[in-house]
Each structure stands twice: as structure tokens, then as C-alpha cells.
Amino acid sequence: MKTHLHRIGEFAVIARRSGDEWFVGCIANEYGWELDITLDFLDPGIPYIARIYADDPEGAVSRTRVAVSVKEVKAGDVLRVTMAPSGGQAIHLAPNK
């Protein structure tokens, strides 16, 4: 497990690897946060698919109130994470085979 970014009482970003996949969890305090996460922990030269699960900014639009997005990333890329107040994100990164 790797604590990627944190400020006690404000936000935390933690990454964990299982095999060739990564799982990133982000959580914010009651004010919300916008952060840049550098994907320097990914294996270089391998494209990854990032499935990003975030608080739905529209809220009532989705039944689960979770917005899901997918994008291709690689080692060294920067993901902009916007967390709602008392919200967070979950990111699953898997090699794009």
C-alpha cells in the first residue's frame, strides 16, 4: 500500500497493487478537494485503462449518484481528481491488453 498524497483531516489518496492492477482510493473532508495525482507508480511502457468512479456532480441524474468515466493512461500521466465535499473517488487501473 502506498499513501500517495495526504493532509491529515483534509484529504487522502492511497494506492494499492494486486498483480498487474492498481486500485486508488481518494477521500475528502467536508470542503471537497481538487488534486492532481501523478501516475508515477505505474509500470513504464504499458498503457493502462483507468475506470474512475466519482461522486456524480448532477446527483439526481444517476440512480447510484456515481459518475463512471474511462480513459487510457500511462506511467507519469497526471489525473485531475475533483472530490465533492465529504466525497471521494475510486480508480481501477488495469493494463490495456
C-alpha atoms as a PDB file:
ATOM      1  CA  MET A   1       0.000   0.000   0.000  1.00  0.00           C
ATOM      2  CA  LYS A   2       1.267   3.451  -0.851  1.00  0.00           C
ATOM      3  CA  THR A   3      -0.033   6.706   0.599  1.00  0.00           C
ATOM      4  CA  HIS A   4       0.254   8.880  -2.460  1.00  0.00           C
ATOM      5  CA  LEU A   5      -0.955  12.234  -1.100  1.00  0.00           C
ATOM      6  CA  HIS A   6      -2.459  13.326   2.186  1.00  0.00           C
ATOM      7  CA  ARG A   7      -3.157  16.165   4.567  1.00  0.00           C
ATOM      8  CA  ILE A   8      -4.434  14.964   7.919  1.00  0.00           C
ATOM      9  CA  GLY A   9      -8.064  15.988   8.375  1.00  0.00           C
ATOM     10  CA  GLU A  10      -8.345  17.271   4.794  1.00  0.00           C
ATOM     11  CA  PHE A  11      -7.816  14.533   2.181  1.00  0.00           C
ATOM     12  CA  ALA A  12      -6.037  11.252   1.489  1.00  0.00           C
ATOM     13  CA  VAL A  13      -5.080   9.341  -1.663  1.00  0.00           C
ATOM     14  CA  ILE A  14      -3.963   5.730  -1.257  1.00  0.00           C
ATOM     15  CA  ALA A  15      -2.837   3.313  -3.989  1.00  0.00           C
ATOM     16  CA  ARG A  16      -2.635  -0.463  -3.701  1.00  0.00           C
ATOM     17  CA  ARG A  17      -1.415  -3.014  -6.217  1.00  0.00           C
ATOM     18  CA  SER A  18      -2.767  -6.503  -6.826  1.00  0.00           C
ATOM     19  CA  GLY A  19      -0.891  -8.379  -9.546  1.00  0.00           C
ATOM     20  CA  ASP A  20      -0.636  -6.024 -12.522  1.00  0.00           C
ATOM     21  CA  GLU A  21      -3.644  -3.904 -11.468  1.00  0.00           C
ATOM     22  CA  TRP A  22      -3.780  -0.820  -9.238  1.00  0.00           C
ATOM     23  CA  PHE A  23      -6.594   0.428  -7.032  1.00  0.00           C
ATOM     24  CA  VAL A  24      -6.594   4.065  -5.912  1.00  0.00           C
ATOM     25  CA  GLY A  25      -8.899   5.447  -3.238  1.00  0.00           C
ATOM     26  CA  CYS A  26      -9.394   9.170  -2.606  1.00  0.00           C
ATOM     27  CA  ILE A  27     -11.377  10.762   0.213  1.00  0.00           C
ATOM     28  CA  ALA A  28     -12.037  14.397   1.114  1.00  0.00           C
ATOM     29  CA  ASN A  29     -13.198  16.305   4.171  1.00  0.00           C
ATOM     30  CA  GLU A  30     -16.354  18.410   4.324  1.00  0.00           C
ATOM     31  CA  TYR A  31     -14.906  21.041   1.969  1.00  0.00           C
ATOM     32  CA  GLY A  32     -14.013  18.845  -1.016  1.00  0.00           C
ATOM     33  CA  TRP A  33     -10.732  18.997  -2.915  1.00  0.00           C
ATOM     34  CA  GLU A  34      -9.282  19.166  -6.403  1.00  0.00           C
ATOM     35  CA  LEU A  35      -5.970  17.309  -6.713  1.00  0.00           C
ATOM     36  CA  ASP A  36      -3.514  16.179  -9.367  1.00  0.00           C
ATOM     37  CA  ILE A  37      -2.376  12.565  -8.998  1.00  0.00           C
ATOM     38  CA  THR A  38       0.818  11.716 -10.870  1.00  0.00           C
ATOM     39  CA  LEU A  39       0.713   8.105 -12.035  1.00  0.00           C
ATOM     40  CA  ASP A  40       4.431   7.585 -11.457  1.00  0.00           C
ATOM     41  CA  PHE A  41       3.759   4.261  -9.715  1.00  0.00           C
ATOM     42  CA  LEU A  42       2.536   2.558 -12.930  1.00  0.00           C
ATOM     43  CA  ASP A  43       4.881   0.314 -14.916  1.00  0.00           C
ATOM     44  CA  PRO A  44       6.530   2.361 -17.693  1.00  0.00           C
ATOM     45  CA  GLY A  45       5.820   1.491 -21.309  1.00  0.00           C
ATOM     46  CA  ILE A  46       2.474  -0.155 -20.566  1.00  0.00           C
ATOM     47  CA  PRO A  47      -0.825   1.566 -21.433  1.00  0.00           C
ATOM     48  CA  TYR A  48      -3.490   1.277 -18.723  1.00  0.00           C
ATOM     49  CA  ILE A  49      -7.246   1.712 -18.714  1.00  0.00           C
ATOM     50  CA  ALA A  50      -8.434   3.874 -15.809  1.00  0.00           C
ATOM     51  CA  ARG A  51     -12.017   3.325 -14.652  1.00  0.00           C
ATOM     52  CA  ILE A  52     -12.876   6.290 -12.463  1.00  0.00           C
ATOM     53  CA  TYR A  53     -15.823   6.180 -10.050  1.00  0.00           C
ATOM     54  CA  ALA A  54     -16.647   9.625  -8.647  1.00  0.00           C
ATOM     55  CA  ASP A  55     -19.470  11.476  -6.937  1.00  0.00           C
ATOM     56  CA  ASP A  56     -21.948  12.419  -9.656  1.00  0.00           C
ATOM     57  CA  PRO A  57     -21.976  16.234  -9.840  1.00  0.00           C
ATOM     58  CA  GLU A  58     -25.546  16.063 -11.155  1.00  0.00           C
ATOM     59  CA  GLY A  59     -26.619  13.935  -8.192  1.00  0.00           C
ATOM     60  CA  ALA A  60     -30.172  13.100  -9.162  1.00  0.00           C
ATOM     61  CA  VAL A  61     -29.324  12.161 -12.774  1.00  0.00           C
ATOM     62  CA  SER A  62     -27.938   8.736 -11.923  1.00  0.00           C
ATOM     63  CA  ARG A  63     -29.688   6.309  -9.605  1.00  0.00           C
ATOM     64  CA  THR A  64     -26.435   5.454  -7.834  1.00  0.00           C
ATOM     65  CA  ARG A  65     -25.153   9.039  -7.726  1.00  0.00           C
ATOM     66  CA  VAL A  66     -21.842   7.731  -9.075  1.00  0.00           C
ATOM     67  CA  ALA A  67     -20.328   9.021 -12.300  1.00  0.00           C
ATOM     68  CA  VAL A  68     -18.152   6.491 -14.146  1.00  0.00           C
ATOM     69  CA  SER A  69     -15.565   7.521 -16.716  1.00  0.00           C
ATOM     70  CA  VAL A  70     -12.924   5.553 -18.605  1.00  0.00           C
ATOM     71  CA  LYS A  71      -9.663   6.793 -20.094  1.00  0.00           C
ATOM     72  CA  GLU A  72      -6.339   5.414 -21.259  1.00  0.00           C
ATOM     73  CA  VAL A  73      -3.327   6.481 -19.183  1.00  0.00           C
ATOM     74  CA  LYS A  74       0.353   5.616 -18.816  1.00  0.00           C
ATOM     75  CA  ALA A  75       3.123   5.993 -16.250  1.00  0.00           C
ATOM     76  CA  GLY A  76       3.810   9.645 -15.494  1.00  0.00           C
ATOM     77  CA  ASP A  77       0.402  10.921 -16.638  1.00  0.00           C
ATOM     78  CA  VAL A  78      -1.474  13.220 -14.277  1.00  0.00           C
ATOM     79  CA  LEU A  79      -5.096  12.579 -13.311  1.00  0.00           C
ATOM     80  CA  ARG A  80      -7.100  15.582 -12.098  1.00  0.00           C
ATOM     81  CA  VAL A  81      -9.334  14.427  -9.239  1.00  0.00           C
ATOM     82  CA  THR A  82     -12.260  16.591  -8.141  1.00  0.00           C
ATOM     83  CA  MET A  83     -13.862  15.389  -4.921  1.00  0.00           C
ATOM     84  CA  ALA A  84     -17.179  16.653  -3.637  1.00  0.00           C
ATOM     85  CA  PRO A  85     -17.459  17.786  -0.006  1.00  0.00           C
ATOM     86  CA  SER A  86     -17.261  14.638   2.166  1.00  0.00           C
ATOM     87  CA  GLY A  87     -16.843  12.683  -1.074  1.00  0.00           C
ATOM     88  CA  GLY A  88     -14.175  10.771  -2.876  1.00  0.00           C
ATOM     89  CA  GLN A  89     -13.194   8.688  -5.866  1.00  0.00           C
ATOM     90  CA  ALA A  90     -12.186   5.118  -6.605  1.00  0.00           C
ATOM     91  CA  ILE A  91      -9.916   4.422  -9.566  1.00  0.00           C
ATOM     92  CA  HIS A  92      -9.177   0.985 -11.032  1.00  0.00           C
ATOM     93  CA  LEU A  93      -6.115   0.850 -13.295  1.00  0.00           C
ATOM     94  CA  ALA A  94      -5.532  -2.257 -15.414  1.00  0.00           C
ATOM     95  CA  PRO A  95      -3.148  -2.890 -18.316  1.00  0.00           C
ATOM     96  CA  ASN A  96      -4.847  -2.291 -21.669  1.00  0.00           C
ATOM     97  CA  LYS A  97      -4.318  -5.700 -23.266  1.00  0.00           C
END
